[in-house]
Each structure stands twice: as structure tokens, then as C-alpha cells.
Amino acid sequence: MEASSRRATRHKVIRKSAMKETAKQLELIAALLGEETTLSLATSGEGGEACVAPLFYIVDKELSLCWLSSESSVHSLNLTRTPRAAATVYRSAKSWKEICGVQLRGAVSRVTEPERRATLVEAYCERFTLGRVFRLALHTSDLYSLRPEFFRYIDNARGFGYKFELTRRPEGWSLTRPGA
């Protein structure tokens, strides 16, 4: 076998291994996002000040986080001016060894396509026990979707400071910082 052929074969094996590892990491992220219910959404205020809001969310198959909010809430007004946000979702912890969570950032948009909105609102209502008043407010609420471009997963149960990072590229997710 020629050296160039061996290098090409080795490169394919490395790429397949990296794809498997990325798939495993996306599964860890999806599991945590599916288990938890509340995100902390960070937006930028009119003067550049940081604003954070806790919100119930659902996660779709693309790992976008979706929530309902009034268009007049501070975070919604901020997103109208600057449609980008960061968020974190984490498990409740009483010791540093239990800290496990996901940090993410990306573009935010309103979900306006009627069929998609109806599907997501139905999933939202199924996930959360919503009272009658809240259900009535759904019709006047906007549905938002944060499409992650970056994830950082932290899990101290795997060792203090264990984390990995993934970045969305045109060809898909890629590992930008291996677990360590």
C-alpha cells in the first residue's frame, strides 16, 4: 500500500472516530436538555447591560430551545433589537461534584409558521402543567427559538472542571474542545 493511500485510510478512520465521539457528546447534551425544564436566558439590554431571565423551555430534535413569552417582556424587547442570546441549563446541585450543565449561544427567532408553532405549543403544554389562565395567555404569547451555534457541556462528576465544547459548522457539529 502506498504511503498516500495509508494516510487517506488513517484520515478516514480518525474522522469516523471523531464523528462517533461528537454523536455521543450530542446525546449527553440532548439528555440533559430533555431532563431539565428551566433555562436562564441572557440577552443584552438597550444600553448593553446584561439581562437574565429564567424560562420554561422545550427542546426540539435539532437541539433548539423554545419558549413562550410576552412580546413586551424585557428579554423579548432585547431580542427584537439584538436577536442573539446565551443560555444555560443545569441540574440543581448541593456539592461541586454534582455540577452538570450546558452553556449555549446562538441566534434567536420568533416561530411564526403556523404548523410548526402549533406543534411546539402542543409539546410545551404537554410538558408543563399549565393552569387555565396560562393556557389562555398562550394565544397572545410569542414563541421563540434559540438555535445553538455553540455548546459547552460541564460535568464535575467526571472530574473537577470536566468539559467539552461543540461548534455548529455548515457541515454539522464539530468538537472544538475535547472532554478534559
N, C-alpha and C. Protein backbone atom coordinates (compact mmCIF):
# COMPACT_ATOMS: atom_id res chain seq x y z
N MET A 1 0.85 -1.18 0.00
CA MET A 1 0.00 0.00 0.00
C MET A 1 0.89 1.24 0.00
N GLU A 2 0.55 2.19 -0.84
CA GLU A 2 1.33 3.42 -0.91
C GLU A 2 1.12 4.27 0.34
N ALA A 3 2.11 5.12 0.59
CA ALA A 3 2.04 5.97 1.78
C ALA A 3 0.83 6.91 1.72
N SER A 4 0.53 7.47 0.55
CA SER A 4 -0.61 8.39 0.43
C SER A 4 -1.92 7.66 0.67
N SER A 5 -2.02 6.40 0.24
CA SER A 5 -3.22 5.60 0.45
C SER A 5 -3.38 5.27 1.94
N ARG A 6 -2.26 4.97 2.62
CA ARG A 6 -2.31 4.70 4.06
C ARG A 6 -2.74 5.95 4.82
N ARG A 7 -2.21 7.10 4.41
CA ARG A 7 -2.59 8.36 5.08
C ARG A 7 -4.09 8.63 4.89
N ALA A 8 -4.59 8.42 3.69
CA ALA A 8 -6.01 8.64 3.41
C ALA A 8 -6.87 7.71 4.26
N THR A 9 -6.48 6.46 4.35
CA THR A 9 -7.22 5.49 5.16
C THR A 9 -7.20 5.89 6.62
N ARG A 10 -6.02 6.28 7.13
CA ARG A 10 -5.88 6.71 8.52
C ARG A 10 -6.74 7.95 8.78
N HIS A 11 -6.77 8.89 7.82
CA HIS A 11 -7.57 10.10 7.97
C HIS A 11 -9.06 9.76 8.05
N LYS A 12 -9.53 8.81 7.25
CA LYS A 12 -10.94 8.39 7.29
C LYS A 12 -11.28 7.77 8.63
N VAL A 13 -10.39 6.95 9.17
CA VAL A 13 -10.61 6.31 10.47
C VAL A 13 -10.69 7.37 11.57
N ILE A 14 -9.80 8.33 11.54
CA ILE A 14 -9.79 9.41 12.54
C ILE A 14 -11.09 10.22 12.43
N ARG A 15 -11.51 10.53 11.21
CA ARG A 15 -12.72 11.31 11.00
C ARG A 15 -13.95 10.55 11.50
N LYS A 16 -14.02 9.24 11.23
CA LYS A 16 -15.14 8.43 11.72
C LYS A 16 -15.17 8.40 13.24
N SER A 17 -14.00 8.25 13.85
CA SER A 17 -13.90 8.22 15.30
C SER A 17 -14.37 9.55 15.89
N ALA A 18 -13.97 10.67 15.27
CA ALA A 18 -14.39 11.99 15.74
C ALA A 18 -15.89 12.16 15.60
N MET A 19 -16.48 11.65 14.53
CA MET A 19 -17.92 11.74 14.32
C MET A 19 -18.68 10.95 15.38
N LYS A 20 -18.16 9.77 15.74
CA LYS A 20 -18.79 8.96 16.78
C LYS A 20 -18.73 9.68 18.13
N GLU A 21 -17.57 10.26 18.42
CA GLU A 21 -17.39 10.97 19.68
C GLU A 21 -18.34 12.17 19.74
N THR A 22 -18.45 12.93 18.64
CA THR A 22 -19.35 14.08 18.59
C THR A 22 -20.80 13.63 18.78
N ALA A 23 -21.19 12.51 18.17
CA ALA A 23 -22.54 11.99 18.33
C ALA A 23 -22.81 11.64 19.80
N LYS A 24 -21.85 11.03 20.47
CA LYS A 24 -22.01 10.69 21.89
C LYS A 24 -22.18 11.96 22.72
N GLN A 25 -21.40 12.98 22.40
CA GLN A 25 -21.47 14.22 23.16
C GLN A 25 -22.81 14.93 22.93
N LEU A 26 -23.30 14.90 21.70
CA LEU A 26 -24.62 15.48 21.42
C LEU A 26 -25.71 14.72 22.17
N GLU A 27 -25.55 13.41 22.32
CA GLU A 27 -26.51 12.63 23.10
C GLU A 27 -26.51 13.05 24.57
N LEU A 28 -25.33 13.31 25.14
CA LEU A 28 -25.26 13.79 26.53
C LEU A 28 -25.99 15.12 26.67
N ILE A 29 -25.75 16.02 25.72
CA ILE A 29 -26.39 17.33 25.75
C ILE A 29 -27.90 17.17 25.61
N ALA A 30 -28.34 16.38 24.65
CA ALA A 30 -29.77 16.17 24.42
C ALA A 30 -30.44 15.58 25.66
N ALA A 31 -29.78 14.64 26.31
CA ALA A 31 -30.34 14.02 27.51
C ALA A 31 -30.54 15.06 28.62
N LEU A 32 -29.53 15.87 28.87
CA LEU A 32 -29.64 16.88 29.92
C LEU A 32 -30.73 17.89 29.56
N LEU A 33 -30.77 18.36 28.31
CA LEU A 33 -31.78 19.33 27.91
C LEU A 33 -33.19 18.73 28.00
N GLY A 34 -33.31 17.43 27.74
CA GLY A 34 -34.60 16.78 27.83
C GLY A 34 -35.07 16.54 29.26
N GLU A 35 -34.13 16.40 30.19
CA GLU A 35 -34.46 16.15 31.59
C GLU A 35 -34.85 17.41 32.35
N GLU A 36 -34.22 18.51 32.04
CA GLU A 36 -34.44 19.75 32.78
C GLU A 36 -35.59 20.54 32.17
N THR A 37 -36.07 21.55 32.88
CA THR A 37 -37.25 22.30 32.44
C THR A 37 -37.03 23.80 32.31
N THR A 38 -35.99 24.32 32.95
CA THR A 38 -35.82 25.77 33.03
C THR A 38 -34.46 26.18 32.49
N LEU A 39 -34.47 27.22 31.68
CA LEU A 39 -33.20 27.78 31.20
C LEU A 39 -33.04 29.17 31.78
N SER A 40 -31.80 29.62 31.85
CA SER A 40 -31.51 31.01 32.19
C SER A 40 -31.07 31.65 30.89
N LEU A 41 -31.88 32.58 30.40
CA LEU A 41 -31.64 33.24 29.11
C LEU A 41 -30.95 34.58 29.33
N ALA A 42 -29.82 34.77 28.69
CA ALA A 42 -29.07 36.02 28.80
C ALA A 42 -29.21 36.81 27.50
N THR A 43 -29.68 38.05 27.63
CA THR A 43 -29.80 38.95 26.49
C THR A 43 -29.06 40.25 26.81
N SER A 44 -28.93 41.11 25.81
CA SER A 44 -28.29 42.41 26.01
C SER A 44 -29.34 43.50 25.98
N GLY A 45 -29.32 44.34 27.01
CA GLY A 45 -30.26 45.45 27.08
C GLY A 45 -29.90 46.57 26.12
N GLU A 46 -30.76 47.57 26.07
CA GLU A 46 -30.58 48.68 25.14
C GLU A 46 -29.24 49.39 25.32
N GLY A 47 -28.80 49.49 26.57
CA GLY A 47 -27.52 50.14 26.85
C GLY A 47 -26.35 49.17 26.94
N GLY A 48 -26.58 47.93 26.54
CA GLY A 48 -25.53 46.92 26.59
C GLY A 48 -25.47 46.15 27.89
N GLU A 49 -26.35 46.50 28.84
CA GLU A 49 -26.34 45.79 30.13
C GLU A 49 -26.84 44.36 29.95
N ALA A 50 -26.28 43.47 30.76
CA ALA A 50 -26.68 42.07 30.72
C ALA A 50 -28.02 41.90 31.42
N CYS A 51 -28.89 41.10 30.83
CA CYS A 51 -30.19 40.79 31.41
C CYS A 51 -30.36 39.27 31.38
N VAL A 52 -30.87 38.70 32.47
CA VAL A 52 -31.06 37.26 32.55
C VAL A 52 -32.49 36.98 33.00
N ALA A 53 -33.11 35.99 32.35
CA ALA A 53 -34.48 35.60 32.71
C ALA A 53 -34.60 34.09 32.77
N PRO A 54 -35.21 33.55 33.84
CA PRO A 54 -35.49 32.12 33.90
C PRO A 54 -36.78 31.82 33.13
N LEU A 55 -36.76 30.79 32.29
CA LEU A 55 -37.91 30.46 31.46
C LEU A 55 -38.08 28.96 31.34
N PHE A 56 -39.33 28.49 31.34
CA PHE A 56 -39.60 27.11 30.94
C PHE A 56 -39.27 26.99 29.46
N TYR A 57 -38.80 25.82 29.05
CA TYR A 57 -38.46 25.62 27.64
C TYR A 57 -38.78 24.18 27.24
N ILE A 58 -38.81 23.99 25.94
CA ILE A 58 -38.80 22.64 25.37
C ILE A 58 -37.65 22.61 24.38
N VAL A 59 -37.18 21.42 24.08
CA VAL A 59 -36.08 21.25 23.14
C VAL A 59 -36.60 20.45 21.95
N ASP A 60 -36.21 20.89 20.74
CA ASP A 60 -36.65 20.15 19.55
C ASP A 60 -35.56 19.18 19.09
N LYS A 61 -35.82 18.47 18.02
CA LYS A 61 -34.87 17.44 17.56
C LYS A 61 -33.56 18.03 17.05
N GLU A 62 -33.53 19.32 16.75
CA GLU A 62 -32.30 19.99 16.31
C GLU A 62 -31.54 20.61 17.50
N LEU A 63 -32.04 20.35 18.70
CA LEU A 63 -31.50 20.88 19.95
C LEU A 63 -31.68 22.38 20.11
N SER A 64 -32.66 22.93 19.39
CA SER A 64 -33.05 24.33 19.60
C SER A 64 -33.93 24.37 20.84
N LEU A 65 -33.79 25.43 21.63
CA LEU A 65 -34.60 25.62 22.82
C LEU A 65 -35.71 26.60 22.48
N CYS A 66 -36.94 26.24 22.84
CA CYS A 66 -38.11 27.05 22.51
C CYS A 66 -38.86 27.43 23.78
N TRP A 67 -39.36 28.66 23.83
CA TRP A 67 -40.11 29.14 24.99
C TRP A 67 -41.16 30.14 24.54
N LEU A 68 -42.13 30.36 25.41
CA LEU A 68 -43.20 31.33 25.17
C LEU A 68 -42.97 32.54 26.06
N SER A 69 -43.17 33.74 25.47
CA SER A 69 -43.02 34.97 26.24
C SER A 69 -43.88 36.06 25.64
N SER A 70 -44.20 37.01 26.47
CA SER A 70 -44.89 38.21 26.01
C SER A 70 -43.92 39.04 25.18
N GLU A 71 -44.42 39.66 24.13
CA GLU A 71 -43.55 40.49 23.30
C GLU A 71 -43.09 41.73 24.06
N SER A 72 -43.75 42.06 25.18
CA SER A 72 -43.36 43.24 25.95
C SER A 72 -42.40 42.94 27.09
N SER A 73 -42.04 41.66 27.29
CA SER A 73 -41.07 41.34 28.36
C SER A 73 -39.70 41.90 27.98
N VAL A 74 -38.90 42.17 28.99
CA VAL A 74 -37.58 42.78 28.76
C VAL A 74 -36.75 41.92 27.80
N HIS A 75 -36.71 40.60 28.02
CA HIS A 75 -35.88 39.77 27.16
C HIS A 75 -36.41 39.74 25.73
N SER A 76 -37.72 39.79 25.54
CA SER A 76 -38.28 39.82 24.19
C SER A 76 -37.93 41.13 23.49
N LEU A 77 -38.02 42.25 24.20
CA LEU A 77 -37.64 43.54 23.62
C LEU A 77 -36.15 43.54 23.26
N ASN A 78 -35.34 42.97 24.14
CA ASN A 78 -33.90 42.88 23.85
C ASN A 78 -33.65 42.05 22.60
N LEU A 79 -34.38 40.95 22.45
CA LEU A 79 -34.19 40.07 21.29
C LEU A 79 -34.69 40.71 20.00
N THR A 80 -35.64 41.63 20.11
CA THR A 80 -36.08 42.37 18.93
C THR A 80 -34.94 43.24 18.41
N ARG A 81 -34.20 43.87 19.33
CA ARG A 81 -33.06 44.72 18.95
C ARG A 81 -31.85 43.89 18.53
N THR A 82 -31.57 42.85 19.29
CA THR A 82 -30.39 42.00 19.05
C THR A 82 -30.84 40.55 19.14
N PRO A 83 -31.10 39.91 18.00
CA PRO A 83 -31.65 38.55 18.02
C PRO A 83 -30.61 37.44 18.25
N ARG A 84 -29.81 37.62 19.27
CA ARG A 84 -28.82 36.63 19.69
C ARG A 84 -28.88 36.54 21.21
N ALA A 85 -28.59 35.34 21.73
CA ALA A 85 -28.65 35.16 23.17
C ALA A 85 -27.70 34.04 23.59
N ALA A 86 -27.46 34.00 24.88
CA ALA A 86 -26.76 32.89 25.51
C ALA A 86 -27.71 32.32 26.55
N ALA A 87 -27.51 31.05 26.87
CA ALA A 87 -28.37 30.42 27.88
C ALA A 87 -27.58 29.35 28.60
N THR A 88 -28.10 28.97 29.74
CA THR A 88 -27.54 27.84 30.47
C THR A 88 -28.70 27.02 31.03
N VAL A 89 -28.48 25.72 31.03
CA VAL A 89 -29.41 24.76 31.62
C VAL A 89 -28.56 23.87 32.50
N TYR A 90 -28.98 23.67 33.75
CA TYR A 90 -28.15 22.88 34.66
C TYR A 90 -29.00 22.17 35.69
N ARG A 91 -28.42 21.13 36.23
CA ARG A 91 -29.08 20.38 37.30
C ARG A 91 -28.85 21.10 38.62
N SER A 92 -29.80 20.97 39.51
CA SER A 92 -29.64 21.50 40.85
C SER A 92 -28.52 20.72 41.53
N ALA A 93 -27.65 21.40 42.26
CA ALA A 93 -26.51 20.74 42.90
C ALA A 93 -26.29 21.29 44.30
N LYS A 94 -25.85 20.41 45.20
CA LYS A 94 -25.51 20.82 46.56
C LYS A 94 -24.01 20.71 46.81
N SER A 95 -23.29 20.09 45.86
CA SER A 95 -21.85 19.96 46.00
C SER A 95 -21.22 20.18 44.63
N TRP A 96 -19.97 20.59 44.63
CA TRP A 96 -19.30 20.86 43.34
C TRP A 96 -19.24 19.61 42.48
N LYS A 97 -19.21 18.44 43.09
CA LYS A 97 -19.14 17.18 42.33
C LYS A 97 -20.43 16.90 41.56
N GLU A 98 -21.51 17.57 41.94
CA GLU A 98 -22.80 17.35 41.27
C GLU A 98 -23.06 18.35 40.15
N ILE A 99 -22.18 19.34 39.99
CA ILE A 99 -22.43 20.37 38.97
C ILE A 99 -22.38 19.73 37.58
N CYS A 100 -23.48 19.89 36.84
CA CYS A 100 -23.59 19.37 35.49
C CYS A 100 -24.53 20.30 34.73
N GLY A 101 -24.08 20.79 33.60
CA GLY A 101 -24.92 21.70 32.84
C GLY A 101 -24.40 21.96 31.44
N VAL A 102 -25.20 22.72 30.72
CA VAL A 102 -24.87 23.08 29.34
C VAL A 102 -24.95 24.60 29.22
N GLN A 103 -23.94 25.17 28.60
CA GLN A 103 -23.97 26.58 28.22
C GLN A 103 -24.10 26.59 26.70
N LEU A 104 -24.85 27.55 26.17
CA LEU A 104 -25.01 27.63 24.73
C LEU A 104 -25.23 29.07 24.30
N ARG A 105 -25.03 29.29 23.01
CA ARG A 105 -25.32 30.61 22.45
C ARG A 105 -25.70 30.43 20.98
N GLY A 106 -26.46 31.41 20.49
CA GLY A 106 -26.87 31.33 19.10
C GLY A 106 -27.89 32.39 18.75
N ALA A 107 -28.44 32.25 17.56
CA ALA A 107 -29.44 33.18 17.04
C ALA A 107 -30.82 32.80 17.58
N VAL A 108 -31.63 33.83 17.82
CA VAL A 108 -32.99 33.64 18.31
C VAL A 108 -33.96 34.21 17.28
N SER A 109 -35.03 33.47 17.05
CA SER A 109 -36.07 33.95 16.13
C SER A 109 -37.44 33.62 16.70
N ARG A 110 -38.43 34.36 16.24
CA ARG A 110 -39.82 34.05 16.59
C ARG A 110 -40.27 32.93 15.67
N VAL A 111 -41.02 32.00 16.21
CA VAL A 111 -41.60 30.93 15.40
C VAL A 111 -42.97 31.42 14.95
N THR A 112 -43.09 31.69 13.66
CA THR A 112 -44.34 32.25 13.13
C THR A 112 -45.06 31.30 12.18
N GLU A 113 -44.38 30.30 11.67
CA GLU A 113 -45.01 29.35 10.75
C GLU A 113 -46.09 28.59 11.54
N PRO A 114 -47.36 28.70 11.12
CA PRO A 114 -48.47 28.19 11.94
C PRO A 114 -48.37 26.71 12.32
N GLU A 115 -48.00 25.84 11.42
CA GLU A 115 -47.95 24.41 11.75
C GLU A 115 -46.85 24.10 12.77
N ARG A 116 -45.69 24.69 12.55
CA ARG A 116 -44.57 24.47 13.50
C ARG A 116 -44.92 25.05 14.86
N ARG A 117 -45.50 26.24 14.87
CA ARG A 117 -45.88 26.87 16.14
C ARG A 117 -46.88 25.98 16.88
N ALA A 118 -47.90 25.49 16.18
CA ALA A 118 -48.91 24.65 16.82
C ALA A 118 -48.29 23.39 17.41
N THR A 119 -47.38 22.77 16.66
CA THR A 119 -46.71 21.55 17.13
C THR A 119 -45.89 21.83 18.39
N LEU A 120 -45.13 22.92 18.37
CA LEU A 120 -44.28 23.25 19.52
C LEU A 120 -45.11 23.68 20.73
N VAL A 121 -46.17 24.44 20.52
CA VAL A 121 -47.02 24.86 21.64
C VAL A 121 -47.70 23.63 22.26
N GLU A 122 -48.12 22.70 21.43
CA GLU A 122 -48.72 21.47 21.95
C GLU A 122 -47.71 20.70 22.81
N ALA A 123 -46.47 20.58 22.32
CA ALA A 123 -45.42 19.90 23.09
C ALA A 123 -45.15 20.64 24.40
N TYR A 124 -45.15 21.96 24.37
CA TYR A 124 -44.94 22.78 25.55
C TYR A 124 -46.04 22.51 26.58
N CYS A 125 -47.29 22.49 26.12
CA CYS A 125 -48.43 22.25 27.02
C CYS A 125 -48.41 20.83 27.60
N GLU A 126 -47.94 19.88 26.82
CA GLU A 126 -47.83 18.50 27.32
C GLU A 126 -46.74 18.38 28.37
N ARG A 127 -45.68 19.12 28.21
CA ARG A 127 -44.55 19.01 29.13
C ARG A 127 -44.82 19.67 30.48
N PHE A 128 -45.56 20.78 30.45
CA PHE A 128 -45.76 21.54 31.68
C PHE A 128 -47.23 21.53 32.09
N THR A 129 -47.44 21.49 33.40
CA THR A 129 -48.79 21.58 33.94
C THR A 129 -49.15 23.06 33.98
N LEU A 130 -49.95 23.47 33.02
CA LEU A 130 -50.28 24.88 32.90
C LEU A 130 -51.72 25.10 33.35
N GLY A 131 -51.90 26.11 34.15
CA GLY A 131 -53.25 26.44 34.60
C GLY A 131 -54.06 27.06 33.47
N ARG A 132 -55.34 27.22 33.72
CA ARG A 132 -56.25 27.76 32.72
C ARG A 132 -55.85 29.16 32.27
N VAL A 133 -55.46 30.02 33.21
CA VAL A 133 -55.08 31.40 32.89
C VAL A 133 -53.86 31.40 31.96
N PHE A 134 -52.88 30.55 32.27
CA PHE A 134 -51.68 30.49 31.43
C PHE A 134 -52.03 29.99 30.03
N ARG A 135 -52.89 28.98 29.96
CA ARG A 135 -53.29 28.44 28.65
C ARG A 135 -53.96 29.52 27.80
N LEU A 136 -54.76 30.38 28.42
CA LEU A 136 -55.39 31.48 27.68
C LEU A 136 -54.34 32.48 27.19
N ALA A 137 -53.29 32.67 28.00
CA ALA A 137 -52.24 33.62 27.63
C ALA A 137 -51.38 33.11 26.47
N LEU A 138 -51.40 31.81 26.21
CA LEU A 138 -50.60 31.25 25.11
C LEU A 138 -50.93 31.89 23.78
N HIS A 139 -52.19 32.24 23.60
CA HIS A 139 -52.62 32.80 22.32
C HIS A 139 -52.05 34.20 22.08
N THR A 140 -51.69 34.88 23.15
CA THR A 140 -51.12 36.22 22.99
C THR A 140 -49.61 36.23 23.20
N SER A 141 -49.02 35.07 23.42
CA SER A 141 -47.57 34.96 23.63
C SER A 141 -46.86 34.66 22.33
N ASP A 142 -45.65 35.15 22.24
CA ASP A 142 -44.79 34.80 21.10
C ASP A 142 -44.01 33.55 21.45
N LEU A 143 -43.74 32.74 20.45
CA LEU A 143 -42.93 31.54 20.61
C LEU A 143 -41.56 31.85 20.03
N TYR A 144 -40.53 31.64 20.84
CA TYR A 144 -39.16 31.93 20.42
C TYR A 144 -38.36 30.62 20.31
N SER A 145 -37.34 30.65 19.48
CA SER A 145 -36.46 29.50 19.30
C SER A 145 -35.01 29.99 19.26
N LEU A 146 -34.21 29.42 20.15
CA LEU A 146 -32.76 29.70 20.16
C LEU A 146 -32.09 28.53 19.44
N ARG A 147 -31.48 28.80 18.31
CA ARG A 147 -30.78 27.76 17.54
C ARG A 147 -29.30 27.81 17.93
N PRO A 148 -28.85 26.84 18.73
CA PRO A 148 -27.47 26.88 19.21
C PRO A 148 -26.43 26.79 18.09
N GLU A 149 -25.40 27.59 18.26
CA GLU A 149 -24.22 27.54 17.38
C GLU A 149 -23.02 27.01 18.16
N PHE A 150 -23.18 26.95 19.47
CA PHE A 150 -22.09 26.56 20.37
C PHE A 150 -22.68 25.92 21.62
N PHE A 151 -22.06 24.84 22.05
CA PHE A 151 -22.40 24.19 23.32
C PHE A 151 -21.13 24.00 24.13
N ARG A 152 -21.23 24.22 25.43
CA ARG A 152 -20.19 23.80 26.38
C ARG A 152 -20.91 22.94 27.42
N TYR A 153 -20.47 21.70 27.55
CA TYR A 153 -21.06 20.75 28.49
C TYR A 153 -20.09 20.59 29.64
N ILE A 154 -20.58 20.74 30.87
CA ILE A 154 -19.75 20.62 32.07
C ILE A 154 -20.34 19.53 32.95
N ASP A 155 -19.47 18.64 33.47
CA ASP A 155 -19.93 17.57 34.36
C ASP A 155 -18.81 17.24 35.34
N ASN A 156 -18.90 17.82 36.54
CA ASN A 156 -17.87 17.60 37.55
C ASN A 156 -17.88 16.18 38.10
N ALA A 157 -18.94 15.41 37.87
CA ALA A 157 -18.96 14.01 38.30
C ALA A 157 -17.89 13.22 37.55
N ARG A 158 -17.48 13.70 36.39
CA ARG A 158 -16.43 13.06 35.59
C ARG A 158 -15.04 13.55 35.98
N GLY A 159 -14.98 14.51 36.88
CA GLY A 159 -13.72 15.10 37.32
C GLY A 159 -13.88 16.60 37.38
N PHE A 160 -13.21 17.23 38.33
CA PHE A 160 -13.33 18.67 38.51
C PHE A 160 -12.98 19.40 37.20
N GLY A 161 -13.91 20.22 36.73
CA GLY A 161 -13.68 21.01 35.53
C GLY A 161 -13.85 20.26 34.22
N TYR A 162 -14.39 19.02 34.27
CA TYR A 162 -14.58 18.27 33.02
C TYR A 162 -15.53 19.05 32.11
N LYS A 163 -15.12 19.22 30.86
CA LYS A 163 -15.98 19.90 29.91
C LYS A 163 -15.58 19.53 28.50
N PHE A 164 -16.52 19.71 27.58
CA PHE A 164 -16.21 19.66 26.15
C PHE A 164 -17.04 20.73 25.46
N GLU A 165 -16.59 21.13 24.28
CA GLU A 165 -17.28 22.17 23.52
C GLU A 165 -17.51 21.70 22.10
N LEU A 166 -18.68 22.05 21.59
CA LEU A 166 -19.05 21.74 20.22
C LEU A 166 -19.48 23.02 19.51
N THR A 167 -19.12 23.13 18.24
CA THR A 167 -19.50 24.28 17.43
C THR A 167 -20.21 23.79 16.19
N ARG A 168 -21.32 24.46 15.85
CA ARG A 168 -22.07 24.11 14.64
C ARG A 168 -21.38 24.76 13.44
N ARG A 169 -21.04 23.94 12.48
CA ARG A 169 -20.44 24.39 11.23
C ARG A 169 -21.41 24.05 10.10
N PRO A 170 -21.19 24.57 8.90
CA PRO A 170 -22.11 24.25 7.80
C PRO A 170 -22.27 22.74 7.57
N GLU A 171 -21.22 21.97 7.81
CA GLU A 171 -21.28 20.53 7.60
C GLU A 171 -21.79 19.77 8.82
N GLY A 172 -22.09 20.47 9.90
CA GLY A 172 -22.60 19.83 11.11
C GLY A 172 -21.80 20.22 12.35
N TRP A 173 -22.05 19.52 13.44
CA TRP A 173 -21.37 19.80 14.70
C TRP A 173 -19.95 19.27 14.68
N SER A 174 -19.02 20.05 15.26
CA SER A 174 -17.65 19.56 15.38
C SER A 174 -17.13 19.88 16.78
N LEU A 175 -16.27 19.02 17.23
CA LEU A 175 -15.65 19.15 18.54
C LEU A 175 -14.60 20.25 18.46
N THR A 176 -14.75 21.28 19.28
CA THR A 176 -13.77 22.36 19.29
C THR A 176 -12.92 22.34 20.55
N ARG A 177 -13.37 21.57 21.55
CA ARG A 177 -12.58 21.36 22.77
C ARG A 177 -12.95 19.99 23.30
N PRO A 178 -12.03 19.05 23.23
CA PRO A 178 -12.33 17.69 23.70
C PRO A 178 -12.57 17.66 25.21
N GLY A 179 -13.25 16.64 25.65
CA GLY A 179 -13.51 16.45 27.08
C GLY A 179 -12.24 16.33 27.87
N ALA A 180 -12.13 17.15 28.89
CA ALA A 180 -10.94 17.11 29.74
C ALA A 180 -11.28 17.66 31.11
